[in-house]
Amino acid sequence: MNAPLVFFVGGTRSGKSGLAQRWAEAQAPRRLFLATCRVEDNDAEMAARVARHQAGRGAGWFCVEEPLDPLTVLKGFLAGTSGQDSDAAGVALLDCVSLWIANLLAAGLTPEVIRTRVAALAAGLADEPGGRARPVALVSAETGLGIVPPTPLGRVYRDVLGLANQTLAGVCTHVIFVSCGLPLALKGPLPEGL
């Protein structure tokens, strides 16, 4: 039987990361935080954001930073063969898909190649041999509710992320839309721990 695969999606400062963290903390005392954020040397504001997130996690979390290839880390976690402290974790939280997509675009990947990588992530999470033994949560931004971005790159990002969100939501057992810090179940019931 597959463990839950929960997708938290919402706007900026909607509370999605906090709810995902709370859910993960209810699943197991040892948890993997898979961070896709890349902090540039001259970006003090982003560094401060990352520091706030780290301080808010507290004990029991193992952090792995992987801005381009979260699937490899998640496969190692699910198989228990990553060789990291995270092998002992009982749950994984990938935060976030939206930064991962931005990183891939910044690395020069085309939308088509990115869609292939998203499909591989979805398949890797959905088709774990023998079933997914440990729960996984994904966090992503919903960018389709705002205005049309004024730049071509902004529009490409919005479109690629929207399609990625659809693909990942399609394989998840639970999809939770978060607004104003409140969860709304879009697929499956609200999972325990929220």
N, C-alpha and C. Protein backbone atom coordinates (compact mmCIF):
# COMPACT_ATOMS: atom_id res chain seq x y z
N MET A 1 0.84 -1.18 0.00
CA MET A 1 0.00 0.00 0.00
C MET A 1 0.88 1.24 0.00
N ASN A 2 0.51 2.21 -0.79
CA ASN A 2 1.29 3.44 -0.89
C ASN A 2 0.99 4.37 0.27
N ALA A 3 2.06 4.96 0.80
CA ALA A 3 1.92 6.02 1.80
C ALA A 3 1.40 7.27 1.10
N PRO A 4 0.88 8.23 1.84
CA PRO A 4 0.32 9.43 1.22
C PRO A 4 1.36 10.22 0.42
N LEU A 5 0.90 10.80 -0.66
CA LEU A 5 1.67 11.73 -1.48
C LEU A 5 0.81 12.98 -1.55
N VAL A 6 1.23 14.03 -0.83
CA VAL A 6 0.38 15.20 -0.61
C VAL A 6 0.97 16.42 -1.31
N PHE A 7 0.15 17.10 -2.08
CA PHE A 7 0.56 18.28 -2.84
C PHE A 7 -0.10 19.50 -2.23
N PHE A 8 0.72 20.41 -1.70
CA PHE A 8 0.24 21.67 -1.12
C PHE A 8 0.49 22.78 -2.14
N VAL A 9 -0.55 23.47 -2.54
CA VAL A 9 -0.41 24.52 -3.54
C VAL A 9 -1.17 25.76 -3.07
N GLY A 10 -0.60 26.92 -3.34
CA GLY A 10 -1.25 28.17 -2.95
C GLY A 10 -0.43 29.35 -3.40
N GLY A 11 -0.94 30.53 -3.15
CA GLY A 11 -0.26 31.75 -3.55
C GLY A 11 0.87 32.11 -2.60
N THR A 12 1.52 33.21 -2.90
CA THR A 12 2.59 33.72 -2.06
C THR A 12 2.06 34.04 -0.67
N ARG A 13 2.80 33.59 0.34
CA ARG A 13 2.44 33.82 1.74
C ARG A 13 1.05 33.30 2.09
N SER A 14 0.64 32.24 1.42
CA SER A 14 -0.67 31.65 1.69
C SER A 14 -0.65 30.75 2.92
N GLY A 15 0.54 30.32 3.34
CA GLY A 15 0.67 29.40 4.46
C GLY A 15 0.91 27.97 4.04
N LYS A 16 1.15 27.75 2.74
CA LYS A 16 1.31 26.39 2.23
C LYS A 16 2.52 25.68 2.82
N SER A 17 3.66 26.35 2.91
CA SER A 17 4.86 25.72 3.46
C SER A 17 4.67 25.38 4.94
N GLY A 18 4.05 26.28 5.68
CA GLY A 18 3.81 26.03 7.10
C GLY A 18 2.90 24.84 7.33
N LEU A 19 1.84 24.73 6.52
CA LEU A 19 0.94 23.58 6.65
C LEU A 19 1.63 22.29 6.24
N ALA A 20 2.43 22.35 5.18
CA ALA A 20 3.15 21.15 4.75
C ALA A 20 4.13 20.71 5.83
N GLN A 21 4.80 21.66 6.44
CA GLN A 21 5.74 21.33 7.51
C GLN A 21 5.00 20.71 8.69
N ARG A 22 3.89 21.30 9.07
CA ARG A 22 3.09 20.77 10.19
C ARG A 22 2.63 19.34 9.90
N TRP A 23 2.18 19.11 8.66
CA TRP A 23 1.73 17.77 8.28
C TRP A 23 2.90 16.79 8.38
N ALA A 24 4.06 17.17 7.83
CA ALA A 24 5.22 16.28 7.87
C ALA A 24 5.64 15.98 9.30
N GLU A 25 5.59 16.99 10.16
CA GLU A 25 5.98 16.79 11.56
C GLU A 25 5.03 15.83 12.27
N ALA A 26 3.78 15.76 11.83
CA ALA A 26 2.82 14.83 12.42
C ALA A 26 3.04 13.40 11.92
N GLN A 27 3.80 13.25 10.84
CA GLN A 27 4.00 11.93 10.25
C GLN A 27 5.13 11.14 10.91
N ALA A 28 6.20 11.83 11.31
CA ALA A 28 7.38 11.12 11.80
C ALA A 28 8.27 12.08 12.59
N PRO A 29 9.02 11.56 13.56
CA PRO A 29 9.91 12.42 14.33
C PRO A 29 11.17 12.83 13.57
N ARG A 30 11.53 12.07 12.54
CA ARG A 30 12.71 12.40 11.72
C ARG A 30 12.23 12.62 10.30
N ARG A 31 12.61 13.79 9.74
CA ARG A 31 12.03 14.21 8.46
C ARG A 31 13.10 14.77 7.54
N LEU A 32 12.93 14.53 6.24
CA LEU A 32 13.81 15.08 5.22
C LEU A 32 13.17 16.34 4.64
N PHE A 33 13.92 17.44 4.66
CA PHE A 33 13.49 18.67 3.99
C PHE A 33 14.35 18.79 2.74
N LEU A 34 13.72 18.67 1.58
CA LEU A 34 14.41 18.78 0.30
C LEU A 34 14.20 20.19 -0.24
N ALA A 35 15.24 20.99 -0.15
CA ALA A 35 15.16 22.41 -0.52
C ALA A 35 15.62 22.61 -1.96
N THR A 36 14.81 23.31 -2.73
CA THR A 36 15.19 23.61 -4.11
C THR A 36 15.70 25.04 -4.26
N CYS A 37 15.68 25.81 -3.18
CA CYS A 37 16.10 27.21 -3.24
C CYS A 37 17.60 27.31 -3.46
N ARG A 38 17.95 28.20 -4.34
CA ARG A 38 19.36 28.50 -4.61
C ARG A 38 19.59 29.95 -4.19
N VAL A 39 20.49 30.16 -3.24
CA VAL A 39 20.79 31.51 -2.76
C VAL A 39 22.07 32.00 -3.41
N GLU A 40 21.94 33.08 -4.16
CA GLU A 40 23.11 33.69 -4.80
C GLU A 40 23.88 34.50 -3.75
N ASP A 41 25.17 34.65 -3.96
CA ASP A 41 26.03 35.36 -3.00
C ASP A 41 25.55 36.77 -2.69
N ASN A 42 24.99 37.44 -3.68
CA ASN A 42 24.62 38.85 -3.48
C ASN A 42 23.13 39.03 -3.15
N ASP A 43 22.46 37.97 -2.73
CA ASP A 43 21.02 38.05 -2.46
C ASP A 43 20.75 37.91 -0.96
N ALA A 44 20.97 39.00 -0.22
CA ALA A 44 20.79 38.98 1.24
C ALA A 44 19.34 38.73 1.63
N GLU A 45 18.40 39.23 0.84
CA GLU A 45 16.98 39.05 1.16
C GLU A 45 16.60 37.57 1.10
N MET A 46 17.04 36.86 0.06
CA MET A 46 16.73 35.43 -0.05
C MET A 46 17.45 34.64 1.04
N ALA A 47 18.68 35.02 1.35
CA ALA A 47 19.41 34.35 2.43
C ALA A 47 18.66 34.49 3.75
N ALA A 48 18.08 35.67 4.00
CA ALA A 48 17.31 35.89 5.22
C ALA A 48 16.05 35.02 5.23
N ARG A 49 15.41 34.88 4.07
CA ARG A 49 14.22 34.02 3.98
C ARG A 49 14.58 32.57 4.33
N VAL A 50 15.67 32.10 3.75
CA VAL A 50 16.11 30.72 4.00
C VAL A 50 16.42 30.54 5.48
N ALA A 51 17.10 31.50 6.09
CA ALA A 51 17.43 31.42 7.51
C ALA A 51 16.17 31.35 8.37
N ARG A 52 15.13 32.12 8.01
CA ARG A 52 13.86 32.07 8.76
C ARG A 52 13.22 30.69 8.64
N HIS A 53 13.23 30.13 7.42
CA HIS A 53 12.66 28.79 7.22
C HIS A 53 13.43 27.76 8.04
N GLN A 54 14.76 27.84 8.03
CA GLN A 54 15.57 26.88 8.77
C GLN A 54 15.30 26.97 10.27
N ALA A 55 15.21 28.18 10.79
CA ALA A 55 14.95 28.37 12.22
C ALA A 55 13.57 27.84 12.60
N GLY A 56 12.61 27.95 11.69
CA GLY A 56 11.26 27.48 11.96
C GLY A 56 11.10 25.97 11.93
N ARG A 57 12.07 25.27 11.37
CA ARG A 57 11.96 23.82 11.28
C ARG A 57 12.36 23.13 12.59
N GLY A 58 13.38 23.58 13.23
CA GLY A 58 13.77 22.99 14.50
C GLY A 58 14.34 21.59 14.38
N ALA A 59 14.31 20.86 15.48
CA ALA A 59 14.92 19.53 15.57
C ALA A 59 14.12 18.50 14.77
N GLY A 60 14.81 17.45 14.40
CA GLY A 60 14.17 16.33 13.70
C GLY A 60 14.19 16.44 12.20
N TRP A 61 14.71 17.55 11.67
CA TRP A 61 14.76 17.74 10.22
C TRP A 61 16.18 17.55 9.70
N PHE A 62 16.29 16.89 8.56
CA PHE A 62 17.55 16.78 7.82
C PHE A 62 17.34 17.52 6.51
N CYS A 63 18.19 18.46 6.21
CA CYS A 63 18.01 19.26 5.00
C CYS A 63 19.00 18.83 3.92
N VAL A 64 18.48 18.62 2.72
CA VAL A 64 19.29 18.37 1.53
C VAL A 64 18.92 19.44 0.53
N GLU A 65 19.90 20.17 0.04
CA GLU A 65 19.66 21.20 -0.96
C GLU A 65 19.93 20.64 -2.34
N GLU A 66 18.92 20.68 -3.20
CA GLU A 66 19.06 20.19 -4.57
C GLU A 66 18.20 21.05 -5.49
N PRO A 67 18.80 22.07 -6.09
CA PRO A 67 18.02 23.00 -6.90
C PRO A 67 17.62 22.49 -8.28
N LEU A 68 18.27 21.42 -8.79
CA LEU A 68 18.00 20.99 -10.16
C LEU A 68 17.47 19.56 -10.29
N ASP A 69 17.78 18.67 -9.35
CA ASP A 69 17.43 17.27 -9.53
C ASP A 69 16.83 16.66 -8.26
N PRO A 70 15.66 17.12 -7.85
CA PRO A 70 15.06 16.56 -6.64
C PRO A 70 14.67 15.09 -6.77
N LEU A 71 14.43 14.62 -7.98
CA LEU A 71 14.02 13.23 -8.17
C LEU A 71 15.08 12.26 -7.66
N THR A 72 16.35 12.53 -7.94
CA THR A 72 17.41 11.64 -7.48
C THR A 72 17.43 11.55 -5.96
N VAL A 73 17.27 12.69 -5.30
CA VAL A 73 17.25 12.69 -3.83
C VAL A 73 16.03 11.93 -3.33
N LEU A 74 14.87 12.16 -3.92
CA LEU A 74 13.66 11.48 -3.46
C LEU A 74 13.72 9.98 -3.72
N LYS A 75 14.29 9.57 -4.84
CA LYS A 75 14.43 8.13 -5.10
C LYS A 75 15.32 7.49 -4.04
N GLY A 76 16.43 8.17 -3.69
CA GLY A 76 17.30 7.65 -2.64
C GLY A 76 16.60 7.57 -1.30
N PHE A 77 15.82 8.60 -0.99
CA PHE A 77 15.04 8.61 0.26
C PHE A 77 14.05 7.46 0.29
N LEU A 78 13.29 7.29 -0.79
CA LEU A 78 12.26 6.25 -0.83
C LEU A 78 12.86 4.86 -0.75
N ALA A 79 14.04 4.69 -1.35
CA ALA A 79 14.70 3.39 -1.31
C ALA A 79 15.54 3.21 -0.04
N GLY A 80 15.81 4.32 0.67
CA GLY A 80 16.65 4.25 1.85
C GLY A 80 18.11 4.02 1.53
N THR A 81 18.51 4.48 0.33
CA THR A 81 19.88 4.20 -0.13
C THR A 81 20.66 5.46 -0.47
N SER A 82 20.27 6.59 0.07
CA SER A 82 20.95 7.83 -0.30
C SER A 82 22.30 7.97 0.38
N GLY A 83 22.53 7.20 1.46
CA GLY A 83 23.78 7.33 2.20
C GLY A 83 23.81 8.57 3.08
N GLN A 84 22.68 9.22 3.23
CA GLN A 84 22.57 10.45 4.03
C GLN A 84 21.85 10.13 5.34
N ASP A 85 21.94 11.06 6.29
CA ASP A 85 21.17 10.94 7.52
C ASP A 85 19.67 10.85 7.22
N SER A 86 19.28 11.40 6.08
CA SER A 86 17.87 11.40 5.72
C SER A 86 17.32 10.01 5.45
N ASP A 87 18.18 8.99 5.29
CA ASP A 87 17.68 7.63 5.10
C ASP A 87 16.83 7.19 6.29
N ALA A 88 17.11 7.75 7.47
CA ALA A 88 16.35 7.40 8.67
C ALA A 88 15.06 8.20 8.79
N ALA A 89 14.85 9.15 7.89
CA ALA A 89 13.66 9.98 7.96
C ALA A 89 12.42 9.17 7.61
N GLY A 90 11.32 9.51 8.26
CA GLY A 90 10.07 8.81 8.00
C GLY A 90 9.17 9.50 6.99
N VAL A 91 9.53 10.72 6.59
CA VAL A 91 8.72 11.50 5.65
C VAL A 91 9.65 12.48 4.93
N ALA A 92 9.29 12.84 3.70
CA ALA A 92 10.06 13.85 2.95
C ALA A 92 9.14 15.00 2.56
N LEU A 93 9.71 16.20 2.58
CA LEU A 93 9.00 17.41 2.17
C LEU A 93 9.85 18.13 1.14
N LEU A 94 9.36 18.24 -0.08
CA LEU A 94 10.04 18.98 -1.14
C LEU A 94 9.44 20.38 -1.18
N ASP A 95 10.27 21.38 -0.89
CA ASP A 95 9.80 22.77 -0.87
C ASP A 95 10.84 23.61 -1.62
N CYS A 96 10.57 24.02 -2.87
CA CYS A 96 9.28 23.89 -3.50
C CYS A 96 9.44 23.66 -5.01
N VAL A 97 8.38 23.17 -5.60
CA VAL A 97 8.34 22.89 -7.04
C VAL A 97 8.52 24.18 -7.83
N SER A 98 7.92 25.26 -7.38
CA SER A 98 7.97 26.51 -8.14
C SER A 98 9.40 27.06 -8.25
N LEU A 99 10.19 26.94 -7.20
CA LEU A 99 11.60 27.35 -7.30
C LEU A 99 12.39 26.39 -8.17
N TRP A 100 12.07 25.11 -8.10
CA TRP A 100 12.73 24.13 -8.96
C TRP A 100 12.52 24.49 -10.43
N ILE A 101 11.28 24.81 -10.80
CA ILE A 101 10.98 25.18 -12.19
C ILE A 101 11.75 26.45 -12.56
N ALA A 102 11.79 27.43 -11.67
CA ALA A 102 12.54 28.67 -11.95
C ALA A 102 14.02 28.36 -12.15
N ASN A 103 14.58 27.46 -11.34
CA ASN A 103 15.99 27.07 -11.48
C ASN A 103 16.25 26.42 -12.83
N LEU A 104 15.33 25.55 -13.26
CA LEU A 104 15.51 24.87 -14.55
C LEU A 104 15.46 25.87 -15.70
N LEU A 105 14.54 26.83 -15.63
CA LEU A 105 14.47 27.86 -16.66
C LEU A 105 15.74 28.71 -16.65
N ALA A 106 16.23 29.06 -15.47
CA ALA A 106 17.45 29.86 -15.35
C ALA A 106 18.67 29.10 -15.87
N ALA A 107 18.62 27.77 -15.80
CA ALA A 107 19.71 26.94 -16.32
C ALA A 107 19.65 26.78 -17.83
N GLY A 108 18.63 27.36 -18.46
CA GLY A 108 18.53 27.34 -19.91
C GLY A 108 17.74 26.18 -20.49
N LEU A 109 17.06 25.40 -19.65
CA LEU A 109 16.26 24.29 -20.17
C LEU A 109 15.01 24.83 -20.85
N THR A 110 14.61 24.17 -21.90
CA THR A 110 13.40 24.57 -22.63
C THR A 110 12.16 24.08 -21.87
N PRO A 111 11.01 24.70 -22.14
CA PRO A 111 9.77 24.21 -21.51
C PRO A 111 9.52 22.73 -21.78
N GLU A 112 9.86 22.25 -22.96
CA GLU A 112 9.64 20.84 -23.30
C GLU A 112 10.50 19.94 -22.42
N VAL A 113 11.76 20.30 -22.23
CA VAL A 113 12.66 19.49 -21.39
C VAL A 113 12.19 19.53 -19.94
N ILE A 114 11.74 20.69 -19.50
CA ILE A 114 11.24 20.81 -18.13
C ILE A 114 10.01 19.94 -17.93
N ARG A 115 9.11 19.93 -18.89
CA ARG A 115 7.92 19.07 -18.77
C ARG A 115 8.33 17.60 -18.67
N THR A 116 9.38 17.22 -19.40
CA THR A 116 9.87 15.84 -19.31
C THR A 116 10.39 15.54 -17.91
N ARG A 117 11.10 16.49 -17.32
CA ARG A 117 11.63 16.30 -15.96
C ARG A 117 10.50 16.23 -14.94
N VAL A 118 9.47 17.05 -15.13
CA VAL A 118 8.32 17.01 -14.22
C VAL A 118 7.62 15.66 -14.34
N ALA A 119 7.44 15.19 -15.57
CA ALA A 119 6.80 13.88 -15.78
C ALA A 119 7.61 12.78 -15.13
N ALA A 120 8.94 12.87 -15.18
CA ALA A 120 9.80 11.87 -14.54
C ALA A 120 9.64 11.91 -13.02
N LEU A 121 9.56 13.12 -12.46
CA LEU A 121 9.33 13.24 -11.02
C LEU A 121 7.99 12.62 -10.64
N ALA A 122 6.96 12.96 -11.39
CA ALA A 122 5.63 12.41 -11.11
C ALA A 122 5.64 10.88 -11.18
N ALA A 123 6.25 10.35 -12.23
CA ALA A 123 6.31 8.89 -12.38
C ALA A 123 7.13 8.25 -11.28
N GLY A 124 8.23 8.88 -10.91
CA GLY A 124 9.08 8.33 -9.86
C GLY A 124 8.39 8.28 -8.51
N LEU A 125 7.53 9.24 -8.25
CA LEU A 125 6.79 9.25 -6.98
C LEU A 125 5.59 8.31 -7.02
N ALA A 126 4.94 8.23 -8.17
CA ALA A 126 3.72 7.43 -8.28
C ALA A 126 4.00 5.94 -8.42
N ASP A 127 5.10 5.61 -9.08
CA ASP A 127 5.36 4.21 -9.45
C ASP A 127 6.47 3.58 -8.63
N GLU A 128 6.52 3.88 -7.36
CA GLU A 128 7.55 3.30 -6.50
C GLU A 128 7.33 1.78 -6.44
N PRO A 129 8.34 0.97 -6.81
CA PRO A 129 8.17 -0.49 -6.80
C PRO A 129 7.74 -0.99 -5.42
N GLY A 130 6.70 -1.79 -5.39
CA GLY A 130 6.20 -2.34 -4.14
C GLY A 130 5.39 -1.34 -3.32
N GLY A 131 5.14 -0.18 -3.88
CA GLY A 131 4.39 0.84 -3.17
C GLY A 131 5.32 1.81 -2.45
N ARG A 132 4.83 3.00 -2.25
CA ARG A 132 5.60 4.04 -1.55
C ARG A 132 5.52 3.76 -0.06
N ALA A 133 6.65 3.43 0.56
CA ALA A 133 6.66 3.05 1.97
C ALA A 133 6.60 4.25 2.89
N ARG A 134 7.08 5.41 2.43
CA ARG A 134 7.12 6.59 3.30
C ARG A 134 6.38 7.73 2.63
N PRO A 135 5.69 8.54 3.43
CA PRO A 135 4.93 9.65 2.87
C PRO A 135 5.84 10.76 2.34
N VAL A 136 5.31 11.48 1.34
CA VAL A 136 6.04 12.58 0.72
C VAL A 136 5.06 13.74 0.54
N ALA A 137 5.55 14.95 0.79
CA ALA A 137 4.77 16.16 0.53
C ALA A 137 5.53 17.04 -0.44
N LEU A 138 4.79 17.68 -1.33
CA LEU A 138 5.34 18.63 -2.29
C LEU A 138 4.65 19.97 -2.06
N VAL A 139 5.40 21.05 -2.21
CA VAL A 139 4.84 22.40 -2.08
C VAL A 139 5.09 23.13 -3.39
N SER A 140 4.09 23.88 -3.85
CA SER A 140 4.25 24.66 -5.08
C SER A 140 3.38 25.92 -5.02
N ALA A 141 3.80 26.90 -5.78
CA ALA A 141 3.03 28.14 -5.88
C ALA A 141 1.98 28.02 -6.98
N GLU A 142 0.85 28.64 -6.75
CA GLU A 142 -0.19 28.77 -7.78
C GLU A 142 -0.02 30.15 -8.40
N THR A 143 0.42 30.17 -9.65
CA THR A 143 0.68 31.46 -10.30
C THR A 143 -0.42 31.85 -11.28
N GLY A 144 -1.37 30.98 -11.50
CA GLY A 144 -2.38 31.24 -12.51
C GLY A 144 -3.55 32.09 -12.06
N LEU A 145 -3.57 32.51 -10.81
CA LEU A 145 -4.69 33.30 -10.31
C LEU A 145 -4.46 34.81 -10.40
N GLY A 146 -3.24 35.20 -10.79
CA GLY A 146 -2.91 36.62 -10.85
C GLY A 146 -3.04 37.17 -12.25
N ILE A 147 -2.47 38.33 -12.43
CA ILE A 147 -2.50 38.98 -13.74
C ILE A 147 -1.54 38.27 -14.70
N VAL A 148 -1.72 38.50 -15.97
CA VAL A 148 -0.81 37.94 -16.97
C VAL A 148 0.52 38.68 -16.83
N PRO A 149 1.63 37.93 -16.65
CA PRO A 149 2.92 38.60 -16.51
C PRO A 149 3.24 39.47 -17.72
N PRO A 150 3.90 40.61 -17.50
CA PRO A 150 4.18 41.54 -18.60
C PRO A 150 5.36 41.15 -19.48
N THR A 151 6.14 40.13 -19.07
CA THR A 151 7.32 39.75 -19.85
C THR A 151 7.15 38.36 -20.44
N PRO A 152 7.81 38.10 -21.56
CA PRO A 152 7.74 36.74 -22.14
C PRO A 152 8.24 35.66 -21.17
N LEU A 153 9.34 35.91 -20.47
CA LEU A 153 9.85 34.92 -19.53
C LEU A 153 8.86 34.68 -18.40
N GLY A 154 8.23 35.73 -17.92
CA GLY A 154 7.22 35.57 -16.88
C GLY A 154 6.05 34.71 -17.34
N ARG A 155 5.63 34.91 -18.58
CA ARG A 155 4.52 34.11 -19.12
C ARG A 155 4.94 32.66 -19.32
N VAL A 156 6.17 32.44 -19.79
CA VAL A 156 6.65 31.06 -19.95
C VAL A 156 6.69 30.37 -18.58
N TYR A 157 7.24 31.07 -17.58
CA TYR A 157 7.31 30.50 -16.23
C TYR A 157 5.92 30.14 -15.71
N ARG A 158 4.99 31.06 -15.83
CA ARG A 158 3.62 30.81 -15.35
C ARG A 158 3.03 29.59 -16.04
N ASP A 159 3.21 29.49 -17.35
CA ASP A 159 2.63 28.37 -18.09
C ASP A 159 3.29 27.05 -17.74
N VAL A 160 4.63 27.05 -17.67
CA VAL A 160 5.35 25.81 -17.35
C VAL A 160 5.00 25.35 -15.94
N LEU A 161 4.95 26.28 -14.99
CA LEU A 161 4.62 25.91 -13.62
C LEU A 161 3.17 25.42 -13.52
N GLY A 162 2.26 26.07 -14.21
CA GLY A 162 0.87 25.62 -14.18
C GLY A 162 0.72 24.19 -14.69
N LEU A 163 1.42 23.86 -15.77
CA LEU A 163 1.37 22.49 -16.29
C LEU A 163 2.05 21.52 -15.34
N ALA A 164 3.16 21.95 -14.72
CA ALA A 164 3.84 21.10 -13.74
C ALA A 164 2.92 20.81 -12.56
N ASN A 165 2.24 21.82 -12.07
CA ASN A 165 1.31 21.62 -10.96
C ASN A 165 0.22 20.62 -11.33
N GLN A 166 -0.29 20.71 -12.55
CA GLN A 166 -1.33 19.77 -12.98
C GLN A 166 -0.80 18.35 -13.03
N THR A 167 0.40 18.18 -13.57
CA THR A 167 1.01 16.85 -13.67
C THR A 167 1.22 16.24 -12.29
N LEU A 168 1.79 17.01 -11.38
CA LEU A 168 2.08 16.48 -10.05
C LEU A 168 0.80 16.24 -9.26
N ALA A 169 -0.16 17.14 -9.37
CA ALA A 169 -1.44 16.94 -8.67
C ALA A 169 -2.13 15.67 -9.16
N GLY A 170 -1.93 15.35 -10.42
CA GLY A 170 -2.56 14.16 -10.99
C GLY A 170 -2.10 12.86 -10.36
N VAL A 171 -0.87 12.81 -9.84
CA VAL A 171 -0.37 11.56 -9.25
C VAL A 171 -0.46 11.55 -7.73
N CYS A 172 -0.75 12.70 -7.13
CA CYS A 172 -0.81 12.78 -5.67
C CYS A 172 -2.10 12.18 -5.13
N THR A 173 -2.01 11.62 -3.94
CA THR A 173 -3.20 11.07 -3.30
C THR A 173 -4.07 12.16 -2.69
N HIS A 174 -3.43 13.28 -2.31
CA HIS A 174 -4.12 14.42 -1.72
C HIS A 174 -3.60 15.69 -2.37
N VAL A 175 -4.49 16.61 -2.70
CA VAL A 175 -4.11 17.93 -3.17
C VAL A 175 -4.81 18.94 -2.28
N ILE A 176 -4.00 19.81 -1.67
CA ILE A 176 -4.52 20.78 -0.71
C ILE A 176 -4.22 22.18 -1.24
N PHE A 177 -5.28 22.95 -1.47
CA PHE A 177 -5.12 24.36 -1.84
C PHE A 177 -5.11 25.16 -0.55
N VAL A 178 -4.13 26.06 -0.43
CA VAL A 178 -4.00 26.85 0.80
C VAL A 178 -4.20 28.32 0.47
N SER A 179 -5.08 28.96 1.22
CA SER A 179 -5.32 30.39 1.09
C SER A 179 -5.55 30.95 2.49
N CYS A 180 -4.91 32.06 2.79
CA CYS A 180 -5.07 32.71 4.10
C CYS A 180 -4.73 31.77 5.25
N GLY A 181 -3.82 30.82 5.01
CA GLY A 181 -3.43 29.88 6.04
C GLY A 181 -4.39 28.74 6.26
N LEU A 182 -5.43 28.67 5.43
CA LEU A 182 -6.45 27.64 5.60
C LEU A 182 -6.38 26.62 4.47
N PRO A 183 -6.48 25.32 4.81
CA PRO A 183 -6.42 24.28 3.79
C PRO A 183 -7.79 23.94 3.22
N LEU A 184 -7.83 23.73 1.93
CA LEU A 184 -9.03 23.29 1.25
C LEU A 184 -8.67 22.06 0.43
N ALA A 185 -9.32 20.94 0.70
CA ALA A 185 -9.02 19.70 -0.01
C ALA A 185 -9.58 19.76 -1.42
N LEU A 186 -8.70 19.64 -2.41
CA LEU A 186 -9.11 19.56 -3.81
C LEU A 186 -9.20 18.12 -4.29
N LYS A 187 -8.39 17.26 -3.68
CA LYS A 187 -8.36 15.85 -4.06
C LYS A 187 -8.09 15.04 -2.80
N GLY A 188 -8.96 14.10 -2.50
CA GLY A 188 -8.84 13.31 -1.28
C GLY A 188 -9.27 14.16 -0.08
N PRO A 189 -9.45 13.52 1.05
CA PRO A 189 -9.83 14.27 2.26
C PRO A 189 -8.62 15.03 2.80
N LEU A 190 -8.89 15.99 3.68
CA LEU A 190 -7.77 16.65 4.37
C LEU A 190 -7.02 15.59 5.16
N PRO A 191 -5.72 15.49 4.96
CA PRO A 191 -4.97 14.45 5.68
C PRO A 191 -4.85 14.78 7.15
N GLU A 192 -4.69 13.73 7.96
CA GLU A 192 -4.50 13.91 9.39
C GLU A 192 -3.22 14.70 9.61
N GLY A 193 -3.22 15.50 10.64
CA GLY A 193 -2.05 16.31 10.93
C GLY A 193 -2.23 17.76 10.52
N LEU A 194 -3.35 18.08 9.88
CA LEU A 194 -3.62 19.46 9.52
C LEU A 194 -4.65 20.03 10.47
